[in-house]
């Protein structure tokens, strides 16, 4: 087998990432050597591979679904928004500059097509199958000329295309039909069919519509996936995260101790790697929510300031909303605060930034005795150490270099030498993302938080974040195995799009 597939979507957030992961997990359980691929990803949630390359967290999660190590080949182009108009361009895991949307789509993007195709070819030469994820919608006709992630790569690599639609949003039949009808004849030849995502209810009620869609387009449905709570793992877009509601939708076990622990995450602008708090939310009895008002900190046992692609901008936002004063007051009272990466930098005394915001000297919150200088070269590492008497692993993605002038070290090596971070009282800061996924460290940290907050909270002794993630990936594989036509999907991956698919007018404008 030397197959491939492009999973496209009628819209952003239609479920492409989780469907791709589900197909990958289903295939690897069949003994297929499979890898994920996304040519171009726009995301503030990123990950560092073993070789020190930065890629989207969604592709790292999909690699885990494949039971392989992620590499830069799986996401050769990563765009990290710095605002509404510009993004940092990360090529093969390393930042190469900041470009406006006009500058990127005006020429730079198309020049990357060769690099993207080379990465895909290398993966296809190594694995039995490569499951590719598109971006947004393939019917974004304003961007088709320079497209390297949807039909542009499908046509160049002769990949069959499966279009995913989120029926929970409504209008899925119109979205399926319109997506095909807005593509050129050459692109339409590769669109094999559809996959309905997030269906609630009796599938038999949907079947007449699927039959009519088949009659109208000549393309079949490859399955109807039911709605399932708690499968939105490693979302891509930090700009769209809800300020309300909890991180996890799924039901977790009741608290082990007498109390729950309430965690408030400041929903700062350009929030990055907010997946750091998923491990907290996985703990029975820990309630995690995003907040944007100072009064929402009042009943929180722990406040987290997460990472951000705009440290200075986030600091201004905290001050404008009154959250900065609330955080300083909270720290002075000895109530727990944790800053991660950009959040750590915000807690310091001052920031010297000629790289990210180019604002020069900016005063921080002054809670931790730390001074930060932004370096042009980005730190990208996968460190290991010890904290609170437990082993801890993480990954670093930052331009800021911290000069720690006092307090206690947070994370150290096995000889007790400080590696990262700072602690003063009940305020902690670290540059390490992912550290809370280390089970022993997370439990030790939550015990300290509970003691400081006066809560009779007890961490569950057996929560394994890695095992929970594996369970989620298996649930995705089960969805594909149980609710998709896997025989037809196998033929599609192995043999490509069916021949003689009809053209649906009007097609893409000339």
Protein backbone atom coordinates (compact mmCIF):
# COMPACT_ATOMS: atom_id res chain seq x y z
CA UNK A 1 0.00 0.00 0.00
CA UNK A 2 1.27 3.47 -0.91
CA UNK A 3 -1.80 5.59 -0.49
CA UNK A 4 -2.91 9.03 0.50
CA UNK A 5 -5.95 11.13 1.29
CA UNK A 6 -6.73 14.80 1.83
CA UNK A 7 -9.32 15.50 4.53
CA UNK A 8 -10.87 18.86 3.63
CA UNK A 9 -13.72 20.69 5.31
CA UNK A 10 -16.69 22.81 4.33
CA UNK A 11 -15.50 25.37 6.92
CA UNK A 12 -12.85 25.95 9.53
CA UNK A 13 -13.55 23.87 12.64
CA UNK A 14 -15.63 21.32 10.72
CA UNK A 15 -13.65 18.57 12.41
CA UNK A 16 -10.79 18.01 9.97
CA UNK A 17 -8.15 17.61 12.69
CA UNK A 18 -10.02 15.01 14.73
CA UNK A 19 -11.26 13.12 11.65
CA UNK A 20 -7.69 12.97 10.34
CA UNK A 21 -6.53 11.67 13.73
CA UNK A 22 -9.36 9.13 13.77
CA UNK A 23 -8.48 7.81 10.32
CA UNK A 24 -4.83 7.60 11.37
CA UNK A 25 -5.66 5.64 14.53
CA UNK A 26 -8.00 3.30 12.60
CA UNK A 27 -5.30 2.61 10.01
CA UNK A 28 -2.52 1.96 12.50
CA UNK A 29 -4.78 -0.52 14.29
CA UNK A 30 -5.06 -2.35 10.95
CA UNK A 31 -1.27 -2.67 10.81
CA UNK A 32 -0.78 0.19 8.34
CA UNK A 33 2.31 2.34 8.72
CA UNK A 34 0.72 5.79 8.50
CA UNK A 35 1.74 9.42 8.98
CA UNK A 36 -0.18 12.73 9.17
CA UNK A 37 0.54 15.80 7.07
CA UNK A 38 -0.66 19.39 6.92
CA UNK A 39 1.13 21.54 4.39
CA UNK A 40 0.26 24.86 6.01
CA UNK A 41 -1.18 25.38 9.45
CA UNK A 42 -2.32 28.65 11.04
CA UNK A 43 -2.24 28.11 14.77
CA UNK A 44 -1.06 29.56 18.05
CA UNK A 45 -0.95 26.08 19.55
CA UNK A 46 2.39 24.58 18.61
CA UNK A 47 4.74 21.83 19.74
CA UNK A 48 8.48 21.13 19.62
CA UNK A 49 9.71 17.90 18.04
CA UNK A 50 12.69 15.89 19.27
CA UNK A 51 14.90 17.57 16.67
CA UNK A 52 13.90 21.03 17.92
CA UNK A 53 11.38 21.94 15.20
CA UNK A 54 8.17 23.85 15.87
CA UNK A 55 4.99 22.41 14.33
CA UNK A 56 1.26 22.66 14.99
CA UNK A 57 0.02 20.75 18.03
CA UNK A 58 -2.72 19.18 15.91
CA UNK A 59 -0.08 17.41 13.81
CA UNK A 60 1.77 16.30 16.95
CA UNK A 61 -1.51 14.85 18.22
CA UNK A 62 -2.11 13.13 14.85
CA UNK A 63 1.41 11.67 14.98
CA UNK A 64 0.52 10.23 18.38
CA UNK A 65 -2.58 8.74 16.77
CA UNK A 66 -0.19 7.06 14.31
CA UNK A 67 2.05 5.96 17.20
CA UNK A 68 5.08 7.71 15.71
CA UNK A 69 7.28 10.66 16.67
CA UNK A 70 6.23 13.98 15.07
CA UNK A 71 8.69 15.68 12.72
CA UNK A 72 8.85 18.95 10.81
CA UNK A 73 7.96 17.08 7.60
CA UNK A 74 4.41 16.67 8.92
CA UNK A 75 3.79 20.43 9.04
CA UNK A 76 6.33 22.23 6.86
CA UNK A 77 4.64 25.66 7.06
CA UNK A 78 3.26 27.04 10.32
CA UNK A 79 1.76 30.53 10.51
CA UNK A 80 1.55 32.05 14.00
CA UNK A 81 -0.75 35.10 14.01
CA UNK A 82 0.62 38.23 15.64
CA UNK A 83 -2.62 40.14 15.08
CA UNK A 84 -5.29 40.55 12.44
CA UNK A 85 -2.87 41.44 9.64
CA UNK A 86 0.41 39.55 10.11
CA UNK A 87 1.88 36.21 11.12
CA UNK A 88 5.26 34.74 11.94
CA UNK A 89 6.18 32.24 9.24
CA UNK A 90 7.76 29.04 10.56
CA UNK A 91 9.33 26.95 7.77
CA UNK A 92 10.43 23.39 8.45
CA UNK A 93 10.24 24.10 12.15
CA UNK A 94 12.22 27.37 12.26
CA UNK A 95 10.94 30.99 12.14
CA UNK A 96 11.95 32.77 8.92
CA UNK A 97 10.22 36.12 9.33
CA UNK A 98 7.04 38.09 9.87
CA UNK A 99 4.73 38.69 6.91
CA UNK A 100 1.47 40.49 6.33
CA UNK A 101 -1.40 38.45 4.95
CA UNK A 102 -1.09 40.35 1.66
CA UNK A 103 2.64 39.70 1.50
CA UNK A 104 2.24 35.99 2.20
CA UNK A 105 -0.65 35.31 -0.18
CA UNK A 106 0.80 37.74 -2.70
CA UNK A 107 3.72 35.52 -3.62
CA UNK A 108 5.56 33.88 -0.73
CA UNK A 109 2.99 31.12 -0.29
CA UNK A 110 3.18 29.84 -3.86
CA UNK A 111 6.99 29.73 -3.70
CA UNK A 112 6.70 27.28 -0.81
CA UNK A 113 4.78 24.72 -2.89
CA UNK A 114 7.96 22.90 -3.93
CA UNK A 115 9.09 22.54 -0.32
CA UNK A 116 5.67 21.29 0.73
CA UNK A 117 5.53 18.71 -2.07
CA UNK A 118 9.05 17.51 -1.26
CA UNK A 119 8.03 16.92 2.39
CA UNK A 120 4.92 15.04 1.34
CA UNK A 121 6.91 12.93 -1.13
CA UNK A 122 9.44 12.03 1.56
CA UNK A 123 6.65 10.91 3.90
CA UNK A 124 4.95 8.91 1.14
CA UNK A 125 8.27 7.19 0.41
CA UNK A 126 8.56 6.17 4.07
CA UNK A 127 4.99 5.27 5.07
CA UNK A 128 2.29 3.03 3.63
CA UNK A 129 -0.23 5.88 3.76
CA UNK A 130 -0.19 9.62 4.47
CA UNK A 131 -3.42 11.24 5.69
CA UNK A 132 -3.33 14.95 4.89
CA UNK A 133 -5.42 17.66 6.49
CA UNK A 134 -6.62 20.70 4.59
CA UNK A 135 -7.19 24.18 6.01
CA UNK A 136 -10.37 26.20 6.12
CA UNK A 137 -12.34 25.32 3.01
CA UNK A 138 -11.08 24.21 -0.42
CA UNK A 139 -13.69 26.53 -1.96
CA UNK A 140 -11.97 29.76 -0.85
CA UNK A 141 -11.83 30.93 -4.45
CA UNK A 142 -10.07 34.19 -3.58
CA UNK A 143 -7.05 32.14 -2.44
CA UNK A 144 -7.08 29.28 -4.95
CA UNK A 145 -4.35 30.69 -7.20
CA UNK A 146 -1.72 30.45 -4.45
CA UNK A 147 -3.19 27.52 -2.49
CA UNK A 148 -0.68 24.98 -1.17
CA UNK A 149 -2.79 23.23 1.49
CA UNK A 150 -6.12 22.25 -0.10
CA UNK A 151 -6.73 21.60 -3.81
CA UNK A 152 -3.32 22.98 -4.73
CA UNK A 153 -1.57 20.10 -3.02
CA UNK A 154 -4.31 17.58 -3.89
CA UNK A 155 -3.91 18.28 -7.60
CA UNK A 156 -0.11 18.28 -7.54
CA UNK A 157 0.10 15.07 -5.49
CA UNK A 158 -3.02 13.44 -7.07
CA UNK A 159 -4.69 12.96 -3.71
CA UNK A 160 -8.35 11.98 -3.40
CA UNK A 161 -10.33 14.46 -1.29
CA UNK A 162 -12.88 13.69 1.43
CA UNK A 163 -14.93 16.74 2.47
CA UNK A 164 -16.03 16.88 6.13
CA UNK A 165 -19.08 18.89 7.16
CA UNK A 166 -20.30 19.76 10.66
CA UNK A 167 -24.03 19.04 10.62
CA UNK A 168 -24.41 20.38 14.18
CA UNK A 169 -24.01 23.88 12.73
CA UNK A 170 -26.76 23.33 10.17
CA UNK A 171 -26.71 23.78 6.38
CA UNK A 172 -24.44 20.83 5.76
CA UNK A 173 -26.07 19.74 2.46
CA UNK A 174 -25.78 23.23 0.98
CA UNK A 175 -22.18 23.38 2.22
CA UNK A 176 -21.29 20.05 0.60
CA UNK A 177 -22.90 20.94 -2.71
CA UNK A 178 -21.54 24.49 -2.76
CA UNK A 179 -18.02 23.35 -1.94
CA UNK A 180 -17.91 21.08 -4.99
CA UNK A 181 -19.74 23.53 -7.28
CA UNK A 182 -17.20 26.30 -6.61
CA UNK A 183 -14.22 24.17 -7.68
CA UNK A 184 -12.73 23.99 -11.17
CA UNK A 185 -13.33 20.84 -13.26
CA UNK A 186 -9.75 19.68 -12.57
CA UNK A 187 -10.24 20.07 -8.82
CA UNK A 188 -13.69 18.48 -8.83
CA UNK A 189 -12.21 15.31 -10.35
CA UNK A 190 -10.41 14.69 -7.05
CA UNK A 191 -13.35 15.27 -4.67
CA UNK A 192 -14.51 11.73 -3.99
CA UNK A 193 -17.26 12.34 -1.47
CA UNK A 194 -18.39 13.53 1.92
CA UNK A 195 -18.25 12.69 5.61
CA UNK A 196 -20.91 14.04 7.95
CA UNK A 197 -19.59 15.01 11.38
CA UNK A 198 -21.34 15.62 14.74
CA UNK A 199 -24.76 14.14 13.88
CA UNK A 200 -27.34 13.86 16.67
CA UNK A 201 -30.35 11.59 16.35
CA UNK A 202 -31.64 8.86 14.04
CA UNK A 203 -29.37 8.38 11.01
CA UNK A 204 -32.29 6.99 8.97
CA UNK A 205 -33.77 10.50 8.92
CA UNK A 206 -30.61 11.75 7.22
CA UNK A 207 -30.41 9.06 4.55
CA UNK A 208 -32.89 10.63 2.06
CA UNK A 209 -30.78 13.79 2.03
CA UNK A 210 -27.58 11.83 1.46
CA UNK A 211 -29.23 9.98 -1.43
CA UNK A 212 -30.36 13.26 -3.00
CA UNK A 213 -26.87 14.72 -2.53
CA UNK A 214 -25.45 11.67 -4.29
CA UNK A 215 -27.88 12.19 -7.14
CA UNK A 216 -27.03 15.89 -7.41
CA UNK A 217 -23.25 15.53 -7.22
CA UNK A 218 -22.46 11.94 -8.20
CA UNK A 219 -20.52 11.67 -4.95
CA UNK A 220 -21.35 9.43 -2.02
CA UNK A 221 -21.19 9.86 1.74
CA UNK A 222 -18.43 7.81 3.34
CA UNK A 223 -20.04 7.88 6.75
CA UNK A 224 -22.01 9.77 9.40
CA UNK A 225 -20.08 10.33 12.62
CA UNK A 226 -22.22 10.86 15.74
CA UNK A 227 -21.74 13.79 18.08
CA UNK A 228 -19.42 12.88 20.95
CA UNK A 229 -18.45 15.06 23.92
CA UNK A 230 -14.86 15.64 24.91
CA UNK A 231 -13.11 14.97 21.60
CA UNK A 232 -11.96 18.52 20.80
CA UNK A 233 -8.34 17.75 21.62
CA UNK A 234 -5.50 20.10 20.64
CA UNK A 235 -7.58 22.68 18.84
CA UNK A 236 -5.70 24.81 16.37
CA UNK A 237 -6.93 28.35 16.74
CA UNK A 238 -6.22 30.24 19.94
CA UNK A 239 -8.00 33.30 18.55
CA UNK A 240 -11.39 31.56 18.67
CA UNK A 241 -11.25 29.98 22.11
CA UNK A 242 -14.43 30.53 24.09
CA UNK A 243 -14.13 32.82 27.08
CA UNK A 244 -16.94 30.92 28.74
CA UNK A 245 -17.33 27.29 29.60
CA UNK A 246 -14.78 24.77 30.70
CA UNK A 247 -11.89 23.25 28.83
CA UNK A 248 -13.39 19.77 28.77
CA UNK A 249 -16.96 18.85 27.90
CA UNK A 250 -16.73 15.23 28.99
CA UNK A 251 -17.85 13.98 32.38
CA UNK A 252 -14.99 13.18 34.75
CA UNK A 253 -14.89 11.30 38.03
CA UNK A 254 -16.00 13.05 41.24
CA UNK A 255 -13.39 14.64 43.52
CA UNK A 256 -11.28 12.35 45.65
CA UNK A 257 -11.21 14.86 48.52
CA UNK A 258 -13.99 16.91 50.07
CA UNK A 259 -13.49 20.00 47.88
CA UNK A 260 -13.12 20.86 44.24
CA UNK A 261 -10.31 23.13 43.02
CA UNK A 262 -11.28 26.10 40.82
CA UNK A 263 -8.81 27.25 38.16
CA UNK A 264 -9.29 30.52 36.26
CA UNK A 265 -7.30 30.97 33.04
CA UNK A 266 -6.88 34.57 31.88
CA UNK A 267 -8.05 34.66 28.25
CA UNK A 268 -5.32 37.05 27.12
CA UNK A 269 -4.99 38.19 23.49
CA UNK A 270 -3.14 35.90 21.07
CA UNK A 271 -3.29 33.12 23.66
CA UNK A 272 -0.96 30.30 22.64
CA UNK A 273 -0.70 26.73 23.83
CA UNK A 274 -3.77 27.04 26.02
CA UNK A 275 -3.70 23.24 25.83
CA UNK A 276 -1.31 23.51 28.81
CA UNK A 277 -4.35 23.58 31.11
CA UNK A 278 -5.94 20.44 29.62
CA UNK A 279 -3.94 18.33 32.07
CA UNK A 280 -5.43 20.30 34.98
CA UNK A 281 -8.94 19.82 33.63
CA UNK A 282 -8.30 16.07 33.35
CA UNK A 283 -7.98 15.82 37.13
CA UNK A 284 -11.14 14.73 38.98
CA UNK A 285 -12.40 17.66 41.03
CA UNK A 286 -10.52 20.37 39.11
CA UNK A 287 -12.79 22.89 37.36
CA UNK A 288 -11.09 25.00 34.67
CA UNK A 289 -12.62 28.03 33.00
CA UNK A 290 -11.44 30.97 30.90
CA UNK A 291 -12.02 34.43 32.34
CA UNK A 292 -11.70 38.04 31.19
CA UNK A 293 -12.93 40.11 34.17
CA UNK A 294 -11.27 40.76 37.55
CA UNK A 295 -14.34 39.69 39.55
CA UNK A 296 -14.02 36.21 38.01
CA UNK A 297 -10.75 35.73 39.92
CA UNK A 298 -12.42 36.14 43.30
CA UNK A 299 -13.40 32.51 43.87
CA UNK A 300 -10.49 30.96 41.96
CA UNK A 301 -8.07 28.79 43.91
CA UNK A 302 -5.48 29.11 41.14
CA UNK A 303 -5.13 31.70 38.39
CA UNK A 304 -3.15 30.78 35.28
CA UNK A 305 -1.70 33.32 32.87
CA UNK A 306 -1.04 31.22 29.75
CA UNK A 307 1.35 31.70 26.87
CA UNK A 308 0.81 34.36 24.21
CA UNK A 309 2.23 35.47 20.86
CA UNK A 310 1.93 39.06 22.08
CA UNK A 311 3.38 39.42 25.59
CA UNK A 312 3.32 43.23 25.65
CA UNK A 313 -0.13 43.38 24.12
CA UNK A 314 -1.41 40.86 26.69
CA UNK A 315 0.11 42.93 29.50
CA UNK A 316 -1.70 46.04 28.24
CA UNK A 317 -4.95 44.06 28.03
CA UNK A 318 -4.60 42.89 31.63
CA UNK A 319 -4.11 46.49 32.75
CA UNK A 320 -6.99 47.85 30.67
CA UNK A 321 -9.41 45.32 32.17
CA UNK A 322 -8.32 45.69 35.76
CA UNK A 323 -6.93 42.18 35.84
CA UNK A 324 -3.36 43.37 36.44
CA UNK A 325 -4.27 44.99 39.76
CA UNK A 326 -6.35 41.98 40.73
CA UNK A 327 -3.38 39.68 40.05
CA UNK A 328 -0.99 41.85 42.07
CA UNK A 329 -3.44 42.00 44.96
CA UNK A 330 -3.91 38.25 44.77
CA UNK A 331 -0.16 37.55 44.82
CA UNK A 332 0.31 39.92 47.76
CA UNK A 333 -2.28 37.90 49.71
CA UNK A 334 -0.39 34.67 49.00
CA UNK A 335 -3.09 33.22 46.74
CA UNK A 336 -1.75 30.93 43.97
CA UNK A 337 -0.83 32.30 40.53
CA UNK A 338 0.96 30.41 37.73
CA UNK A 339 2.46 32.10 34.67
CA UNK A 340 3.46 29.95 31.70
CA UNK A 341 5.84 31.26 29.02
CA UNK A 342 4.42 34.69 28.06
CA UNK A 343 2.47 34.61 31.33
CA UNK A 344 5.74 34.09 33.20
CA UNK A 345 7.26 37.08 31.41
CA UNK A 346 4.24 39.24 32.30
CA UNK A 347 4.75 38.50 36.01
CA UNK A 348 8.30 39.91 35.91
CA UNK A 349 9.66 43.37 36.65
CA UNK A 350 10.25 44.57 33.14
CA UNK A 351 10.42 43.47 29.51
CA UNK A 352 12.84 44.70 26.86
CA UNK A 353 11.19 43.92 23.52
CA UNK A 354 12.65 44.99 20.18
CA UNK A 355 11.52 41.77 18.48
CA UNK A 356 7.86 40.91 19.03
CA UNK A 357 6.09 44.21 19.78
CA UNK A 358 9.12 46.47 19.21
CA UNK A 359 7.94 48.55 22.17
CA UNK A 360 11.35 48.63 23.85
CA UNK A 361 11.23 48.90 27.65
CA UNK A 362 7.88 47.92 29.18
CA UNK A 363 7.16 47.55 32.91
CA UNK A 364 5.84 44.14 33.93
CA UNK A 365 3.53 43.37 36.86
CA UNK A 366 6.53 43.23 39.21
CA UNK A 367 5.33 40.14 41.07
CA UNK A 368 8.41 38.03 40.30
CA UNK A 369 12.04 39.33 40.42
CA UNK A 370 12.61 38.60 36.74
CA UNK A 371 13.74 40.75 33.82
CA UNK A 372 13.06 39.61 30.28
CA UNK A 373 14.89 40.50 27.07
CA UNK A 374 13.52 39.36 23.73
CA UNK A 375 16.17 37.68 21.56
CA UNK A 376 15.80 37.42 17.79
CA UNK A 377 16.53 33.69 17.84
CA UNK A 378 13.68 31.59 19.18
CA UNK A 379 14.32 29.01 21.89
CA UNK A 380 12.95 25.62 20.77
CA UNK A 381 13.83 22.76 23.12
CA UNK A 382 12.42 19.66 24.87
CA UNK A 383 13.90 19.91 28.40
CA UNK A 384 13.62 17.58 31.40
CA UNK A 385 14.16 18.33 35.07
CA UNK A 386 12.77 18.13 38.59
CA UNK A 387 10.27 20.29 40.48
CA UNK A 388 8.52 19.83 43.82
CA UNK A 389 10.38 16.54 44.20
CA UNK A 390 9.04 15.06 40.96
CA UNK A 391 10.34 14.52 37.43
CA UNK A 392 8.97 16.97 34.91
CA UNK A 393 9.19 17.25 31.12
CA UNK A 394 8.14 20.10 28.86
CA UNK A 395 8.90 22.05 25.72
CA UNK A 396 10.03 25.64 25.20
CA UNK A 397 8.88 28.02 22.45
CA UNK A 398 9.87 31.62 23.17
CA UNK A 399 11.95 34.63 22.18
CA UNK A 400 12.12 36.00 25.72
CA UNK A 401 15.25 35.34 27.78
CA UNK A 402 14.66 35.57 31.54
CA UNK A 403 17.23 37.00 33.96
CA UNK A 404 16.12 35.74 37.39
CA UNK A 405 17.26 38.11 40.14
CA UNK A 406 15.76 36.48 43.23
CA UNK A 407 13.13 34.19 44.62
CA UNK A 408 13.41 30.43 44.47
CA UNK A 409 14.16 28.37 41.39
CA UNK A 410 11.17 26.42 40.10
CA UNK A 411 12.60 23.63 37.92
CA UNK A 412 16.09 22.22 38.48
CA UNK A 413 18.37 19.48 37.19
CA UNK A 414 19.14 16.30 39.15
CA UNK A 415 21.96 18.10 40.98
CA UNK A 416 19.72 20.88 42.21
CA UNK A 417 20.93 23.55 39.78
CA UNK A 418 18.14 25.81 38.54
CA UNK A 419 17.03 25.16 34.97
CA UNK A 420 14.01 27.41 34.59
CA UNK A 421 11.43 29.52 36.30
CA UNK A 422 10.97 31.37 39.52
CA UNK A 423 8.80 31.19 42.63
CA UNK A 424 7.98 33.82 45.22
CA UNK A 425 5.46 32.75 47.84
CA UNK A 426 2.51 31.23 46.00
CA UNK A 427 3.38 32.76 42.61
CA UNK A 428 5.17 30.52 40.13
CA UNK A 429 6.48 31.18 36.64
CA UNK A 430 8.04 28.92 33.99
CA UNK A 431 8.82 28.98 30.29
CA UNK A 432 8.06 25.24 30.02
CA UNK A 433 4.88 24.33 28.18
CA UNK A 434 3.44 20.88 28.83
CA UNK A 435 4.97 20.50 32.28
CA UNK A 436 1.55 19.79 33.84
CA UNK A 437 1.26 16.66 31.69
CA UNK A 438 3.89 15.09 34.01
CA UNK A 439 1.54 13.29 36.39
CA UNK A 440 3.65 13.28 39.55
CA UNK A 441 4.58 16.95 39.22
CA UNK A 442 0.98 17.95 38.48
CA UNK A 443 -0.27 16.18 41.60
CA UNK A 444 2.45 17.77 43.76
CA UNK A 445 1.66 21.19 42.35
CA UNK A 446 -2.08 20.79 42.95
CA UNK A 447 -1.41 19.71 46.55
CA UNK A 448 0.52 22.95 47.11
CA UNK A 449 -2.24 25.00 45.51
CA UNK A 450 -4.91 23.29 47.61
CA UNK A 451 -2.94 23.88 50.83
CA UNK A 452 -2.43 27.57 50.00
CA UNK A 453 -6.10 27.97 49.04
CA UNK A 454 -7.32 26.20 52.17
CA UNK A 455 -9.19 23.58 50.13
CA UNK A 456 -9.64 19.97 51.20
CA UNK A 457 -8.82 18.88 47.68
CA UNK A 458 -6.90 15.66 47.07
CA UNK A 459 -5.42 14.84 43.63
CA UNK A 460 -6.46 11.45 42.29
CA UNK A 461 -3.55 9.02 42.78
CA UNK A 462 -3.93 7.29 39.42
CA UNK A 463 -4.76 9.95 36.81
CA UNK A 464 -2.51 9.44 33.80
CA UNK A 465 -2.75 12.23 31.26
CA UNK A 466 -0.96 10.15 28.61
CA UNK A 467 -3.44 7.30 29.12
CA UNK A 468 -6.39 9.70 28.87
CA UNK A 469 -5.00 11.05 25.61
CA UNK A 470 -4.63 7.51 24.28
CA UNK A 471 -8.23 6.79 25.26
CA UNK A 472 -9.40 9.86 23.34
CA UNK A 473 -7.43 8.81 20.26
CA UNK A 474 -8.88 5.31 20.47
CA UNK A 475 -12.36 6.82 20.69
CA UNK A 476 -11.63 8.71 17.47
CA UNK A 477 -10.46 5.51 15.82
CA UNK A 478 -13.64 3.80 17.04
CA UNK A 479 -15.78 6.52 15.44
CA UNK A 480 -14.20 5.84 12.05
CA UNK A 481 -14.31 2.07 12.42
CA UNK A 482 -17.93 1.98 13.58
CA UNK A 483 -19.55 4.81 11.60
CA UNK A 484 -17.60 5.18 8.35
CA UNK A 485 -17.59 2.83 5.36
CA UNK A 486 -14.06 1.65 6.04
CA UNK A 487 -13.92 -0.67 3.01
CA UNK A 488 -14.73 2.25 0.72
CA UNK A 489 -12.37 4.51 2.65
CA UNK A 490 -9.58 1.94 2.26
CA UNK A 491 -10.15 1.80 -1.51
CA UNK A 492 -10.09 5.59 -1.67
CA UNK A 493 -6.78 5.82 0.19
CA UNK A 494 -5.21 3.02 -1.84
CA UNK A 495 -6.54 3.76 -5.34
CA UNK A 496 -7.48 7.43 -5.44
CA UNK A 497 -10.70 9.18 -6.40
CA UNK A 498 -13.18 7.21 -8.55
CA UNK A 499 -13.00 7.83 -12.28
CA UNK A 500 -15.74 9.68 -14.14
CA UNK A 501 -17.03 11.88 -11.33
CA UNK A 502 -19.42 14.45 -12.86
CA UNK A 503 -18.71 18.17 -13.11
CA UNK A 504 -21.07 20.31 -11.01
CA UNK A 505 -21.59 23.80 -12.48
CA UNK A 506 -20.79 26.63 -12.27
CA UNK A 507 -17.25 25.70 -11.22
CA UNK A 508 -14.58 28.16 -10.15
CA UNK A 509 -14.58 31.56 -11.85
CA UNK A 510 -12.01 31.97 -14.57
